[in-house]
Protein backbone atom coordinates (compact mmCIF):
# COMPACT_ATOMS: atom_id res chain seq x y z
CA MET A 1 -16.51 -17.93 -12.79
CA LEU A 2 -15.50 -15.77 -15.28
CA ALA A 3 -16.19 -12.10 -15.15
CA ALA A 4 -19.39 -10.76 -15.75
CA GLN A 5 -20.29 -8.47 -18.55
CA GLY A 6 -18.56 -4.91 -18.62
CA GLU A 7 -16.55 -5.68 -15.19
CA LEU A 8 -12.87 -4.47 -15.09
CA PRO A 9 -9.80 -6.16 -13.04
CA PRO A 10 -8.79 -4.56 -10.30
CA VAL A 11 -6.22 -1.88 -10.03
CA THR A 12 -3.19 -2.05 -8.17
CA ARG A 13 -0.48 1.01 -8.18
CA LEU A 14 2.52 -0.19 -9.92
CA SER A 15 5.89 1.19 -9.73
CA ARG A 16 8.35 -0.44 -12.14
CA ALA A 17 11.55 0.93 -13.72
CA GLY A 18 13.86 -0.63 -16.05
CA THR A 19 10.87 -2.75 -18.12
CA HIS A 20 12.06 -3.99 -21.25
CA ARG A 21 10.29 -4.49 -24.95
CA LEU A 22 12.37 -5.93 -28.26
CA ILE A 23 11.71 -3.89 -31.15
CA PRO A 24 13.42 -5.24 -34.89
CA SER A 25 16.57 -3.19 -35.27
CA ASN A 26 15.43 -1.61 -38.59
CA TYR A 27 12.16 -0.45 -36.89
CA LEU A 28 14.13 2.04 -34.72
CA ASP A 29 13.75 5.03 -35.10
CA GLU A 30 17.19 6.78 -33.98
CA GLY A 31 17.09 10.62 -35.48
CA ASP A 32 17.44 11.19 -38.97
CA SER A 33 14.99 9.59 -41.49
CA VAL A 34 15.93 7.50 -44.33
CA LEU A 35 14.31 9.85 -46.63
CA THR A 36 17.72 11.79 -46.15
CA ARG A 37 19.85 9.07 -48.13
CA LEU A 38 18.07 9.88 -51.12
CA THR A 39 18.50 12.74 -51.68
CA GLY A 40 21.04 15.95 -51.32
CA ASP A 41 18.86 18.65 -53.12
CA GLU A 42 16.69 20.52 -50.03
CA GLY A 43 14.06 21.25 -52.38
CA GLU A 44 13.14 17.36 -53.16
CA LEU A 45 14.12 16.34 -49.58
CA ALA A 46 11.03 18.49 -48.32
CA LEU A 47 8.79 17.18 -51.15
CA LEU A 48 9.82 13.85 -50.08
CA PHE A 49 8.91 14.60 -46.43
CA GLU A 50 5.85 15.85 -47.31
CA LEU A 51 4.53 12.50 -49.14
CA ASP A 52 6.17 10.64 -46.31
CA GLN A 53 3.62 12.54 -43.96
CA ALA A 54 0.73 12.33 -46.42
CA THR A 55 1.05 8.64 -46.26
CA ASN A 56 2.67 7.32 -42.93
CA ASP A 57 0.36 6.48 -40.24
CA ARG A 58 2.41 8.28 -37.49
CA GLY A 59 2.28 11.47 -39.76
CA ALA A 60 -1.28 11.10 -39.89
CA ALA A 61 -1.75 10.52 -36.41
CA GLU A 62 1.03 13.44 -34.93
CA ASN A 63 -1.18 15.61 -37.70
CA GLY A 64 -5.00 14.94 -36.16
CA ARG A 65 -5.81 12.02 -39.34
CA ALA A 66 -6.00 9.31 -37.52
CA PRO A 67 -9.54 8.10 -36.08
CA ALA A 68 -8.24 6.16 -33.14
CA ILE A 69 -5.33 8.40 -31.66
CA GLY A 70 -4.42 12.10 -31.94
CA PRO A 71 -1.82 14.70 -31.38
CA ASP A 72 -3.04 15.25 -27.81
CA GLU A 73 -2.29 11.87 -26.76
CA LEU A 74 0.92 11.24 -28.52
CA VAL A 75 4.12 12.55 -26.99
CA PHE A 76 6.93 15.10 -28.43
CA GLY A 77 10.09 16.22 -27.33
CA VAL A 78 11.03 13.45 -25.47
CA PRO A 79 13.79 11.10 -26.13
CA TYR A 80 12.65 8.20 -28.45
CA TYR A 81 8.87 9.92 -28.42
CA ARG A 82 8.93 8.55 -32.56
CA THR A 83 9.45 4.91 -31.29
CA VAL A 84 6.87 5.38 -28.46
CA ASN A 85 4.66 7.03 -30.77
CA ALA A 86 5.13 4.06 -33.24
CA ALA A 87 3.74 1.46 -30.86
CA PHE A 88 0.38 3.53 -31.27
CA VAL A 89 -0.30 4.49 -34.91
CA HIS A 90 1.61 1.35 -36.09
CA ALA A 91 -0.85 -0.98 -34.84
CA HIS A 92 -0.75 -4.94 -36.42
CA PRO A 93 -3.92 -5.81 -38.91
CA LEU A 94 -5.50 -8.19 -36.56
CA GLY A 95 -4.13 -6.07 -33.27
CA ALA A 96 -2.64 -8.12 -30.92
CA ARG A 97 -3.69 -9.32 -27.28
CA PHE A 98 -5.22 -5.74 -25.47
CA ASN A 99 -5.39 -3.41 -29.05
CA GLY A 100 -7.39 -3.55 -31.99
CA PRO A 101 -6.19 -3.19 -35.36
CA GLU A 102 -6.70 0.77 -35.48
CA ARG A 103 -5.00 1.52 -32.04
CA GLY A 104 -1.48 -0.03 -31.00
CA ALA A 105 -0.23 -0.47 -27.70
CA TRP A 106 3.28 -0.10 -25.80
CA TYR A 107 4.15 -3.95 -24.78
CA ALA A 108 6.85 -4.42 -22.41
CA ALA A 109 7.89 -7.10 -20.20
CA PHE A 110 9.18 -7.50 -16.32
CA GLU A 111 12.00 -9.42 -17.09
CA LEU A 112 14.19 -9.52 -20.05
CA ARG A 113 14.07 -13.04 -20.74
CA THR A 114 10.23 -12.76 -20.72
CA ALA A 115 10.33 -9.99 -23.60
CA GLN A 116 12.92 -12.37 -25.47
CA ALA A 117 10.54 -15.24 -24.76
CA GLU A 118 7.68 -13.37 -26.35
CA VAL A 119 9.52 -12.18 -29.70
CA ALA A 120 10.89 -15.71 -30.53
CA TRP A 121 7.04 -17.16 -29.73
CA HIS A 122 5.65 -14.82 -32.06
CA LYS A 123 7.93 -15.15 -34.88
CA SER A 124 8.12 -18.67 -34.49
CA VAL A 125 4.72 -18.69 -35.43
CA GLU A 126 5.44 -16.35 -38.35
CA LEU A 127 8.36 -18.84 -39.83
CA ALA A 128 5.63 -21.70 -39.23
CA GLU A 129 3.69 -20.31 -41.56
CA VAL A 130 5.90 -19.67 -44.54
CA GLY A 131 7.27 -23.32 -43.08
CA TRP A 132 11.03 -22.27 -42.57
CA PHE A 133 13.04 -21.96 -39.65
CA GLU A 134 16.04 -20.07 -41.13
CA GLN A 135 16.40 -16.85 -39.85
CA ARG A 136 18.14 -13.93 -38.38
CA LEU A 137 16.49 -11.46 -36.24
CA THR A 138 18.32 -8.39 -35.01
CA CYS A 139 16.48 -6.69 -31.91
CA ASP A 140 17.38 -3.76 -29.81
CA GLU A 141 16.11 -3.21 -25.98
CA MET A 142 14.11 -0.65 -24.97
CA LEU A 143 13.83 0.40 -21.38
CA ALA A 144 11.02 2.26 -20.06
CA ASP A 145 9.25 3.40 -16.29
CA PHE A 146 6.22 3.10 -15.42
CA ALA A 147 4.54 4.26 -12.10
CA GLY A 148 0.52 4.86 -11.89
CA PRO A 149 -2.59 2.63 -11.54
CA PHE A 150 -3.02 -0.02 -13.69
CA HIS A 151 -5.64 -2.92 -13.85
CA ASP A 152 -4.41 -6.41 -12.82
CA LEU A 153 -5.03 -9.78 -14.26
CA ARG A 154 -2.65 -11.68 -11.99
CA GLY A 155 -4.32 -13.98 -9.94
CA GLN A 156 -7.51 -12.83 -11.50
CA GLN A 157 -9.35 -16.57 -12.82
CA ALA A 158 -12.63 -14.27 -13.56
CA PHE A 159 -10.65 -13.06 -16.77
CA ALA A 160 -8.70 -16.58 -17.66
CA ASP A 161 -10.04 -15.99 -21.20
CA CYS A 162 -7.90 -12.75 -21.31
CA LEU A 163 -5.21 -15.02 -21.35
CA ARG A 164 -5.93 -17.87 -23.65
CA PRO A 165 -2.87 -18.73 -25.56
CA ASP A 166 -4.74 -18.64 -28.96
CA SER A 167 -7.47 -16.20 -29.14
CA TYR A 168 -7.22 -12.25 -28.42
CA GLU A 169 -11.25 -12.30 -28.63
CA ALA A 170 -11.71 -11.47 -24.84
CA SER A 171 -8.78 -9.72 -23.97
CA GLN A 172 -9.41 -7.28 -27.11
CA ALA A 173 -13.30 -6.34 -25.83
CA LEU A 174 -10.91 -6.08 -22.28
CA ALA A 175 -8.86 -3.38 -24.35
CA GLU A 176 -11.74 -1.64 -25.59
CA ARG A 177 -13.47 -1.39 -22.00
CA LEU A 178 -10.30 -0.50 -20.81
CA LEU A 179 -10.18 2.51 -22.87
CA GLU A 180 -13.56 3.76 -22.40
CA ALA A 181 -12.43 4.07 -18.80
CA GLY A 182 -9.58 5.80 -19.17
CA SER A 183 -7.15 3.03 -17.70
CA GLY A 184 -3.52 3.47 -18.18
CA GLY A 185 -3.30 0.30 -19.30
CA VAL A 186 -2.98 -3.65 -17.77
CA VAL A 187 -0.18 -5.67 -15.70
CA TYR A 188 -0.58 -9.83 -17.02
CA PRO A 189 0.82 -12.56 -16.48
CA SER A 190 2.78 -13.60 -19.85
CA ILE A 191 1.09 -16.86 -21.95
CA ARG A 192 5.06 -17.07 -23.49
CA ARG A 193 6.83 -17.65 -20.26
CA ALA A 194 6.11 -19.34 -16.88
CA ALA A 195 6.22 -17.37 -13.80
CA GLY A 196 6.97 -13.84 -16.42
CA THR A 197 5.27 -10.65 -16.47
CA CYS A 198 3.91 -8.38 -19.09
CA LEU A 199 2.48 -4.87 -19.23
CA ALA A 200 0.61 -3.57 -22.14
CA CYS A 201 0.47 0.38 -21.36
CA LEU A 202 -2.67 1.87 -23.71
CA ARG A 203 -1.21 5.52 -23.37
CA PRO A 204 1.88 6.98 -24.65
CA ALA A 205 1.82 9.70 -21.71
CA LEU A 206 2.68 7.30 -19.52
CA VAL A 207 5.93 5.47 -21.33
CA TYR A 208 8.31 7.18 -19.28
CA ASN A 209 12.07 7.52 -19.31
CA VAL A 210 12.21 5.50 -22.56
CA ARG A 211 16.41 4.72 -23.34
CA ARG A 212 18.43 2.21 -24.99
CA GLY A 213 19.70 -1.48 -23.81
CA ALA A 214 21.09 -4.15 -25.98
CA ARG A 215 20.90 -5.41 -28.61
CA TYR A 216 19.90 -8.80 -29.48
CA VAL A 217 20.31 -11.82 -32.16
CA PHE A 218 17.48 -14.11 -32.70
CA THR A 219 18.78 -16.84 -34.95
CA TRP A 220 16.85 -20.17 -36.67
CA SER A 221 18.58 -23.13 -37.49
CA GLY A 222 16.00 -25.52 -38.87
CA ASN A 223 13.44 -25.72 -35.59
CA ALA A 224 11.05 -23.29 -33.69
CA SER A 225 13.31 -22.87 -30.37
CA PRO A 226 15.80 -19.74 -31.35
CA THR A 227 19.30 -19.06 -30.13
CA ILE A 228 19.50 -15.90 -28.63
CA ARG A 229 23.16 -13.71 -28.34
CA ARG A 230 23.44 -10.16 -26.82
CA GLU A 231 25.42 -8.40 -29.81
CA SER A 232 26.39 -5.09 -28.05
CA GLY A 233 24.95 -2.74 -25.27
CA ALA A 234 25.84 -2.08 -21.34
């Protein structure tokens, strides 16, 4: 039996330290802007920063010019705050499982292997679309802690349509209802790794104690299953 229209999943009190999110290394914001490499002139650099802020989605959101999320929800002054904000303001044009195209979410996994499986699956889909399974992808692991009430899809057959491997229609509709209800996010079983657990956090302020983990290299060599090697990190 599917959930009634407008029904929300039950709420669980979550306390989870060290969740895993893998970000392509070229996306990780480590402080200095790449714009500083373009010029050493302070006047020119100021103009470049002004142009970047005018055209960058994150800059627009931080200055109150984004339609779906504003500076009152974003985070500032904490480690990796730009990386956190980027997850919410740089949404995929088609959205993802629990967000639409206008507002992103912080996706993480309880287990490292689950995070790796999710990255491998999504990248393999991209490579299949172009028919070319020759690729090297380097990802940095971001660890974060979560504590508080989250809606929970684990064991909820009424919301099985939100976990379909081939469609985000029901899950994105649920995400809209969760946002309207003030939800912090949703815990759900991984679709890409059996027994894995994922989290979609809908509020930047709930992404707590963000820190760097290890670096991993995914290598596709002619087929859809990459090899994964840890390159560095504790």
